[in-house]
Amino acid sequence: MSPNHCVYRPHPGLYVQYGCGLCAPEQWLNFDASPRLRLERLPALGFLFRHSLGALFPANVRYGDIVKGLPLSEGLAAGVYCSHVIEHLPREDVPATLRETLRILRPGGIFRLVIPDLHWRARHYLKAAGTGDPEAGDRYLDACMLGARIKPRTPIGIARHYLGHGVHLWLYDFAGMRALLEAAGFVAIRECALNDCDDPHFAEVEEASRFFAGGERELAIEARKPAYPAHR
């Protein structure tokens, strides 16, 4: 049975992180959709892969694609976290991602996310462009991790281009992300800061390096699933 068909049943106080990368606390259920993780988890080929290149992901990281749906029961999680994940998704996939996040949360559950902040990057660009700086645009695109300076030519470079998730596909400011969260059904949406959550479990996954870049704060948001179903 594939990982996508194995459903994990809820128990009190379960916390879920998707797009976890290498940050996988034992107290959390950690998912990632990296192609490399999928290769590492294959029964036979994965054994050869791990012994030739070495295992990158911790053993407790499960393969799971938030866009397609995680193998979790509805209302399972007391908390869900993702850091620098949503900007790597096509814009059209974000509403489904947020609806799936809401689905796996229990009523009143907390969702916290960190993404690159478009606002301060745009502010820096406008300030530099206003002085006639010819490199303002290049620095802006570099800061946003958008576009490509060079075309990959080596086999490794081409593989990273097609299998990796390193580039950003879309960026957001608070107003834009708040509207998407509201459309998905979230409430109590606010900008948040490192370790300012009422639930101390989030301190196990939040890293200072993810909340700041270039001396500026990235966009961190907390939202909740309504405690009671909406009346229709």
C-alpha atoms as a PDB file:
ATOM      1  CA  MET A   1       0.000   0.000   0.000  1.00  0.00           C
ATOM      2  CA  SER A   2       1.435   3.362  -1.025  1.00  0.00           C
ATOM      3  CA  PRO A   3       1.916   6.166   1.545  1.00  0.00           C
ATOM      4  CA  ASN A   4      -0.892   8.158  -0.074  1.00  0.00           C
ATOM      5  CA  HIS A   5      -3.383   5.381   0.769  1.00  0.00           C
ATOM      6  CA  CYS A   6      -2.388   4.888   4.401  1.00  0.00           C
ATOM      7  CA  VAL A   7      -4.664   6.997   6.588  1.00  0.00           C
ATOM      8  CA  TYR A   8      -3.421   8.011  10.020  1.00  0.00           C
ATOM      9  CA  ARG A   9      -6.143   8.196  12.648  1.00  0.00           C
ATOM     10  CA  PRO A  10      -6.424  11.149  15.020  1.00  0.00           C
ATOM     11  CA  HIS A  11      -5.259  11.244  18.594  1.00  0.00           C
ATOM     12  CA  PRO A  12      -5.202  14.179  21.024  1.00  0.00           C
ATOM     13  CA  GLY A  13      -2.581  16.812  20.455  1.00  0.00           C
ATOM     14  CA  LEU A  14      -1.279  15.692  17.071  1.00  0.00           C
ATOM     15  CA  TYR A  15       0.663  18.315  15.107  1.00  0.00           C
ATOM     16  CA  VAL A  16       1.332  18.240  11.360  1.00  0.00           C
ATOM     17  CA  GLN A  17       4.021  19.938   9.305  1.00  0.00           C
ATOM     18  CA  TYR A  18       4.118  19.835   5.520  1.00  0.00           C
ATOM     19  CA  GLY A  19       7.026  20.807   3.300  1.00  0.00           C
ATOM     20  CA  CYS A  20       9.178  20.086   6.337  1.00  0.00           C
ATOM     21  CA  GLY A  21      12.496  19.579   4.547  1.00  0.00           C
ATOM     22  CA  LEU A  22      15.084  18.452   7.083  1.00  0.00           C
ATOM     23  CA  CYS A  23      13.311  19.983  10.100  1.00  0.00           C
ATOM     24  CA  ALA A  24      11.345  17.019  11.450  1.00  0.00           C
ATOM     25  CA  PRO A  25      10.781  16.994  15.219  1.00  0.00           C
ATOM     26  CA  GLU A  26       9.730  13.610  16.599  1.00  0.00           C
ATOM     27  CA  GLN A  27       6.686  15.198  18.249  1.00  0.00           C
ATOM     28  CA  TRP A  28       5.285  16.228  14.841  1.00  0.00           C
ATOM     29  CA  LEU A  29       3.937  14.293  11.876  1.00  0.00           C
ATOM     30  CA  ASN A  30       6.214  15.555   9.114  1.00  0.00           C
ATOM     31  CA  PHE A  31       5.481  15.464   5.377  1.00  0.00           C
ATOM     32  CA  ASP A  32       7.427  16.557   2.315  1.00  0.00           C
ATOM     33  CA  ALA A  33       6.796  16.234  -1.420  1.00  0.00           C
ATOM     34  CA  SER A  34      10.423  16.266  -2.543  1.00  0.00           C
ATOM     35  CA  PRO A  35      11.170  13.917  -5.475  1.00  0.00           C
ATOM     36  CA  ARG A  36      14.355  12.921  -3.665  1.00  0.00           C
ATOM     37  CA  LEU A  37      12.365  11.844  -0.611  1.00  0.00           C
ATOM     38  CA  ARG A  38      10.144   9.734  -2.823  1.00  0.00           C
ATOM     39  CA  LEU A  39      13.223   8.018  -4.278  1.00  0.00           C
ATOM     40  CA  GLU A  40      14.685   7.448  -0.821  1.00  0.00           C
ATOM     41  CA  ARG A  41      11.474   5.760   0.337  1.00  0.00           C
ATOM     42  CA  LEU A  42      11.185   3.297  -2.583  1.00  0.00           C
ATOM     43  CA  PRO A  43      11.714  -0.269  -1.281  1.00  0.00           C
ATOM     44  CA  ALA A  44      14.413  -1.526  -3.694  1.00  0.00           C
ATOM     45  CA  LEU A  45      15.609   1.455  -5.709  1.00  0.00           C
ATOM     46  CA  GLY A  46      15.544   3.555  -2.556  1.00  0.00           C
ATOM     47  CA  PHE A  47      18.005   1.186  -0.870  1.00  0.00           C
ATOM     48  CA  LEU A  48      20.471   1.615  -3.737  1.00  0.00           C
ATOM     49  CA  PHE A  49      19.863   5.364  -3.820  1.00  0.00           C
ATOM     50  CA  ARG A  50      20.480   5.776  -0.088  1.00  0.00           C
ATOM     51  CA  HIS A  51      23.648   3.703  -0.173  1.00  0.00           C
ATOM     52  CA  SER A  52      25.082   5.474  -3.207  1.00  0.00           C
ATOM     53  CA  LEU A  53      24.208   9.097  -2.383  1.00  0.00           C
ATOM     54  CA  GLY A  54      23.272   8.795   1.283  1.00  0.00           C
ATOM     55  CA  ALA A  55      19.952   9.546   2.949  1.00  0.00           C
ATOM     56  CA  LEU A  56      19.118  13.241   3.107  1.00  0.00           C
ATOM     57  CA  PHE A  57      15.770  13.185   4.892  1.00  0.00           C
ATOM     58  CA  PRO A  58      15.290  12.074   8.503  1.00  0.00           C
ATOM     59  CA  ALA A  59      13.643   8.677   8.869  1.00  0.00           C
ATOM     60  CA  ASN A  60      10.453  10.139  10.333  1.00  0.00           C
ATOM     61  CA  VAL A  61       9.651  12.277   7.264  1.00  0.00           C
ATOM     62  CA  ARG A  62       6.761  10.838   5.237  1.00  0.00           C
ATOM     63  CA  TYR A  63       6.076  11.544   1.582  1.00  0.00           C
ATOM     64  CA  GLY A  64       2.936  13.643   1.188  1.00  0.00           C
ATOM     65  CA  ASP A  65       1.723  16.264  -1.287  1.00  0.00           C
ATOM     66  CA  ILE A  66      -0.458  18.931   0.344  1.00  0.00           C
ATOM     67  CA  VAL A  67      -1.961  19.925  -3.023  1.00  0.00           C
ATOM     68  CA  LYS A  68      -3.157  16.392  -3.795  1.00  0.00           C
ATOM     69  CA  GLY A  69      -4.169  15.811  -0.184  1.00  0.00           C
ATOM     70  CA  LEU A  70      -2.382  14.354   2.812  1.00  0.00           C
ATOM     71  CA  PRO A  71      -3.235  10.833   4.042  1.00  0.00           C
ATOM     72  CA  LEU A  72      -4.891  12.168   7.182  1.00  0.00           C
ATOM     73  CA  SER A  73      -8.383  11.990   8.597  1.00  0.00           C
ATOM     74  CA  GLU A  74     -10.488  15.143   8.711  1.00  0.00           C
ATOM     75  CA  GLY A  75     -10.183  17.168  11.898  1.00  0.00           C
ATOM     76  CA  LEU A  76      -7.040  15.359  13.015  1.00  0.00           C
ATOM     77  CA  ALA A  77      -4.589  18.113  13.908  1.00  0.00           C
ATOM     78  CA  ALA A  78      -4.432  20.519  16.810  1.00  0.00           C
ATOM     79  CA  GLY A  79      -1.883  22.504  14.808  1.00  0.00           C
ATOM     80  CA  VAL A  80      -0.451  22.690  11.290  1.00  0.00           C
ATOM     81  CA  TYR A  81       2.734  24.468  10.237  1.00  0.00           C
ATOM     82  CA  CYS A  82       4.498  25.180   6.966  1.00  0.00           C
ATOM     83  CA  SER A  83       7.575  27.299   6.377  1.00  0.00           C
ATOM     84  CA  HIS A  84       8.613  28.578   2.943  1.00  0.00           C
ATOM     85  CA  VAL A  85       6.386  26.143   1.091  1.00  0.00           C
ATOM     86  CA  ILE A  86       3.487  28.038  -0.454  1.00  0.00           C
ATOM     87  CA  GLU A  87       5.688  30.292  -2.589  1.00  0.00           C
ATOM     88  CA  HIS A  88       6.953  27.174  -4.371  1.00  0.00           C
ATOM     89  CA  LEU A  89       3.451  26.228  -5.517  1.00  0.00           C
ATOM     90  CA  PRO A  90       1.710  27.456  -8.671  1.00  0.00           C
ATOM     91  CA  ARG A  91      -0.743  30.211  -7.750  1.00  0.00           C
ATOM     92  CA  GLU A  92      -3.713  28.119  -8.883  1.00  0.00           C
ATOM     93  CA  ASP A  93      -2.806  25.357  -6.396  1.00  0.00           C
ATOM     94  CA  VAL A  94      -2.820  27.596  -3.321  1.00  0.00           C
ATOM     95  CA  PRO A  95      -6.598  27.614  -2.663  1.00  0.00           C
ATOM     96  CA  ALA A  96      -6.643  23.788  -2.665  1.00  0.00           C
ATOM     97  CA  THR A  97      -3.620  23.780  -0.358  1.00  0.00           C
ATOM     98  CA  LEU A  98      -5.334  26.026   2.164  1.00  0.00           C
ATOM     99  CA  ARG A  99      -8.599  24.057   1.984  1.00  0.00           C
ATOM    100  CA  GLU A 100      -6.692  20.839   2.651  1.00  0.00           C
ATOM    101  CA  THR A 101      -4.939  22.505   5.586  1.00  0.00           C
ATOM    102  CA  LEU A 102      -8.319  23.532   6.995  1.00  0.00           C
ATOM    103  CA  ARG A 103      -9.699  20.028   6.475  1.00  0.00           C
ATOM    104  CA  ILE A 104      -7.091  18.269   8.590  1.00  0.00           C
ATOM    105  CA  LEU A 105      -7.336  20.795  11.435  1.00  0.00           C
ATOM    106  CA  ARG A 106      -9.743  20.151  14.266  1.00  0.00           C
ATOM    107  CA  PRO A 107     -12.222  22.936  15.171  1.00  0.00           C
ATOM    108  CA  GLY A 108     -10.304  25.786  16.778  1.00  0.00           C
ATOM    109  CA  GLY A 109      -6.995  24.373  15.505  1.00  0.00           C
ATOM    110  CA  ILE A 110      -4.094  26.675  14.650  1.00  0.00           C
ATOM    111  CA  PHE A 111      -2.334  27.101  11.309  1.00  0.00           C
ATOM    112  CA  ARG A 112       0.927  29.038  11.165  1.00  0.00           C
ATOM    113  CA  LEU A 113       2.831  29.708   7.951  1.00  0.00           C
ATOM    114  CA  VAL A 114       5.943  31.623   6.946  1.00  0.00           C
ATOM    115  CA  ILE A 115       6.522  32.854   3.395  1.00  0.00           C
ATOM    116  CA  PRO A 116       8.768  35.460   1.743  1.00  0.00           C
ATOM    117  CA  ASP A 117       7.285  38.925   2.147  1.00  0.00           C
ATOM    118  CA  LEU A 118       6.621  40.594  -1.195  1.00  0.00           C
ATOM    119  CA  HIS A 119       5.984  43.984   0.430  1.00  0.00           C
ATOM    120  CA  TRP A 120       9.455  44.776   1.754  1.00  0.00           C
ATOM    121  CA  ARG A 121      11.106  43.382  -1.362  1.00  0.00           C
ATOM    122  CA  ALA A 122       8.988  45.674  -3.522  1.00  0.00           C
ATOM    123  CA  ARG A 123       9.729  48.600  -1.203  1.00  0.00           C
ATOM    124  CA  HIS A 124      13.476  48.045  -1.547  1.00  0.00           C
ATOM    125  CA  TYR A 125      13.133  47.793  -5.317  1.00  0.00           C
ATOM    126  CA  LEU A 126      11.179  51.038  -5.626  1.00  0.00           C
ATOM    127  CA  LYS A 127      13.658  52.901  -3.436  1.00  0.00           C
ATOM    128  CA  ALA A 128      16.621  51.709  -5.506  1.00  0.00           C
ATOM    129  CA  ALA A 129      14.855  52.187  -8.832  1.00  0.00           C
ATOM    130  CA  GLY A 130      13.959  55.727  -7.804  1.00  0.00           C
ATOM    131  CA  THR A 131      17.653  56.577  -7.675  1.00  0.00           C
ATOM    132  CA  GLY A 132      18.220  55.256 -11.197  1.00  0.00           C
ATOM    133  CA  ASP A 133      20.131  52.192  -9.963  1.00  0.00           C
ATOM    134  CA  PRO A 134      20.513  49.965 -13.059  1.00  0.00           C
ATOM    135  CA  GLU A 135      20.818  46.813 -10.900  1.00  0.00           C
ATOM    136  CA  ALA A 136      17.640  47.441  -8.915  1.00  0.00           C
ATOM    137  CA  GLY A 137      15.597  45.044 -11.035  1.00  0.00           C
ATOM    138  CA  ASP A 138      18.183  42.269 -10.894  1.00  0.00           C
ATOM    139  CA  ARG A 139      18.433  42.528  -7.112  1.00  0.00           C
ATOM    140  CA  TYR A 140      14.653  42.494  -6.817  1.00  0.00           C
ATOM    141  CA  LEU A 141      14.302  39.313  -8.858  1.00  0.00           C
ATOM    142  CA  ASP A 142      17.171  37.701  -6.958  1.00  0.00           C
ATOM    143  CA  ALA A 143      15.539  38.608  -3.632  1.00  0.00           C
ATOM    144  CA  CYS A 144      12.252  37.164  -4.876  1.00  0.00           C
ATOM    145  CA  MET A 145      13.983  34.057  -6.307  1.00  0.00           C
ATOM    146  CA  LEU A 146      12.046  34.563  -9.527  1.00  0.00           C
ATOM    147  CA  GLY A 147      13.302  34.061 -13.062  1.00  0.00           C
ATOM    148  CA  ALA A 148      16.513  32.337 -14.116  1.00  0.00           C
ATOM    149  CA  ARG A 149      19.928  33.884 -14.705  1.00  0.00           C
ATOM    150  CA  ILE A 150      21.320  30.873 -16.539  1.00  0.00           C
ATOM    151  CA  LYS A 151      19.907  27.905 -18.389  1.00  0.00           C
ATOM    152  CA  PRO A 152      20.858  24.564 -16.791  1.00  0.00           C
ATOM    153  CA  ARG A 153      23.210  22.652 -19.069  1.00  0.00           C
ATOM    154  CA  THR A 154      24.781  19.860 -17.031  1.00  0.00           C
ATOM    155  CA  PRO A 155      22.855  16.643 -16.233  1.00  0.00           C
ATOM    156  CA  ILE A 156      22.845  17.536 -12.532  1.00  0.00           C
ATOM    157  CA  GLY A 157      21.669  21.056 -13.254  1.00  0.00           C
ATOM    158  CA  ILE A 158      18.883  19.841 -15.518  1.00  0.00           C
ATOM    159  CA  ALA A 159      17.780  17.267 -12.929  1.00  0.00           C
ATOM    160  CA  ARG A 160      17.667  19.907 -10.221  1.00  0.00           C
ATOM    161  CA  HIS A 161      15.673  22.197 -12.506  1.00  0.00           C
ATOM    162  CA  TYR A 162      12.983  19.609 -13.256  1.00  0.00           C
ATOM    163  CA  LEU A 163      12.940  17.663  -9.982  1.00  0.00           C
ATOM    164  CA  GLY A 164      13.730  20.356  -7.465  1.00  0.00           C
ATOM    165  CA  HIS A 165      11.494  22.885  -5.746  1.00  0.00           C
ATOM    166  CA  GLY A 166      14.091  25.596  -5.204  1.00  0.00           C
ATOM    167  CA  VAL A 167      12.593  28.446  -7.211  1.00  0.00           C
ATOM    168  CA  HIS A 168       9.654  30.589  -6.186  1.00  0.00           C
ATOM    169  CA  LEU A 169       6.570  30.485  -8.382  1.00  0.00           C
ATOM    170  CA  TRP A 170       4.536  33.233  -6.662  1.00  0.00           C
ATOM    171  CA  LEU A 171       4.927  35.752  -3.827  1.00  0.00           C
ATOM    172  CA  TYR A 172       2.403  37.348  -1.478  1.00  0.00           C
ATOM    173  CA  ASP A 173       1.823  40.271   0.814  1.00  0.00           C
ATOM    174  CA  PHE A 174      -0.343  40.099   3.933  1.00  0.00           C
ATOM    175  CA  ALA A 175      -3.498  41.426   2.282  1.00  0.00           C
ATOM    176  CA  GLY A 176      -3.305  38.880  -0.523  1.00  0.00           C
ATOM    177  CA  MET A 177      -2.641  35.899   1.720  1.00  0.00           C
ATOM    178  CA  ARG A 178      -5.287  36.986   4.215  1.00  0.00           C
ATOM    179  CA  ALA A 179      -7.871  37.030   1.409  1.00  0.00           C
ATOM    180  CA  LEU A 180      -6.875  33.505   0.365  1.00  0.00           C
ATOM    181  CA  LEU A 181      -7.084  32.241   3.958  1.00  0.00           C
ATOM    182  CA  GLU A 182     -10.490  33.837   4.438  1.00  0.00           C
ATOM    183  CA  ALA A 183     -11.750  32.283   1.194  1.00  0.00           C
ATOM    184  CA  ALA A 184     -10.603  28.873   2.445  1.00  0.00           C
ATOM    185  CA  GLY A 185     -12.578  29.337   5.661  1.00  0.00           C
ATOM    186  CA  PHE A 186      -9.972  30.459   8.191  1.00  0.00           C
ATOM    187  CA  VAL A 187     -10.702  33.026  10.896  1.00  0.00           C
ATOM    188  CA  ALA A 188      -8.706  35.050  13.445  1.00  0.00           C
ATOM    189  CA  ILE A 189      -6.048  35.791  10.810  1.00  0.00           C
ATOM    190  CA  ARG A 190      -3.132  37.911  12.018  1.00  0.00           C
ATOM    191  CA  GLU A 191       0.489  38.617  11.291  1.00  0.00           C
ATOM    192  CA  CYS A 192       2.572  36.778  13.852  1.00  0.00           C
ATOM    193  CA  ALA A 193       6.159  36.572  15.029  1.00  0.00           C
ATOM    194  CA  LEU A 194       8.634  33.872  15.990  1.00  0.00           C
ATOM    195  CA  ASN A 195       7.426  31.898  19.021  1.00  0.00           C
ATOM    196  CA  ASP A 196       4.506  34.200  19.831  1.00  0.00           C
ATOM    197  CA  CYS A 197       1.903  31.421  19.601  1.00  0.00           C
ATOM    198  CA  ASP A 198      -0.311  30.511  22.556  1.00  0.00           C
ATOM    199  CA  ASP A 199       0.435  26.860  21.809  1.00  0.00           C
ATOM    200  CA  PRO A 200       4.047  26.081  22.845  1.00  0.00           C
ATOM    201  CA  HIS A 201       4.292  23.116  20.457  1.00  0.00           C
ATOM    202  CA  PHE A 202       5.008  25.466  17.557  1.00  0.00           C
ATOM    203  CA  ALA A 203       8.349  26.376  19.136  1.00  0.00           C
ATOM    204  CA  GLU A 204       9.486  22.863  18.166  1.00  0.00           C
ATOM    205  CA  VAL A 205       9.318  23.677  14.434  1.00  0.00           C
ATOM    206  CA  GLU A 206       9.806  27.443  14.190  1.00  0.00           C
ATOM    207  CA  GLU A 207      13.348  28.532  13.295  1.00  0.00           C
ATOM    208  CA  ALA A 208      14.597  32.106  13.537  1.00  0.00           C
ATOM    209  CA  SER A 209      16.414  31.835  10.191  1.00  0.00           C
ATOM    210  CA  ARG A 210      13.071  31.254   8.451  1.00  0.00           C
ATOM    211  CA  PHE A 211      11.430  34.347   9.925  1.00  0.00           C
ATOM    212  CA  PHE A 212      14.056  36.842   8.717  1.00  0.00           C
ATOM    213  CA  ALA A 213      15.920  37.603   5.479  1.00  0.00           C
ATOM    214  CA  GLY A 214      18.076  40.520   4.424  1.00  0.00           C
ATOM    215  CA  GLY A 215      17.610  42.139   7.818  1.00  0.00           C
ATOM    216  CA  GLU A 216      13.817  42.190   7.287  1.00  0.00           C
ATOM    217  CA  ARG A 217      10.972  40.150   8.726  1.00  0.00           C
ATOM    218  CA  GLU A 218       9.383  37.617   6.433  1.00  0.00           C
ATOM    219  CA  LEU A 219       5.607  37.271   6.276  1.00  0.00           C
ATOM    220  CA  ALA A 220       4.454  35.050   9.141  1.00  0.00           C
ATOM    221  CA  ILE A 221       0.725  34.492   9.611  1.00  0.00           C
ATOM    222  CA  GLU A 222      -1.414  32.687  12.146  1.00  0.00           C
ATOM    223  CA  ALA A 223      -4.992  31.618  11.427  1.00  0.00           C
ATOM    224  CA  ARG A 224      -7.538  29.314  13.021  1.00  0.00           C
ATOM    225  CA  LYS A 225     -10.190  26.888  11.924  1.00  0.00           C
ATOM    226  CA  PRO A 226     -13.564  28.076  13.222  1.00  0.00           C
ATOM    227  CA  ALA A 227     -14.466  26.449  16.495  1.00  0.00           C
ATOM    228  CA  TYR A 228     -18.023  25.851  15.278  1.00  0.00           C
ATOM    229  CA  PRO A 229     -19.372  25.041  11.810  1.00  0.00           C
ATOM    230  CA  ALA A 230     -20.634  28.030   9.854  1.00  0.00           C
ATOM    231  CA  HIS A 231     -24.429  28.330   9.685  1.00  0.00           C
ATOM    232  CA  ARG A 232     -25.899  27.899   6.232  1.00  0.00           C
END
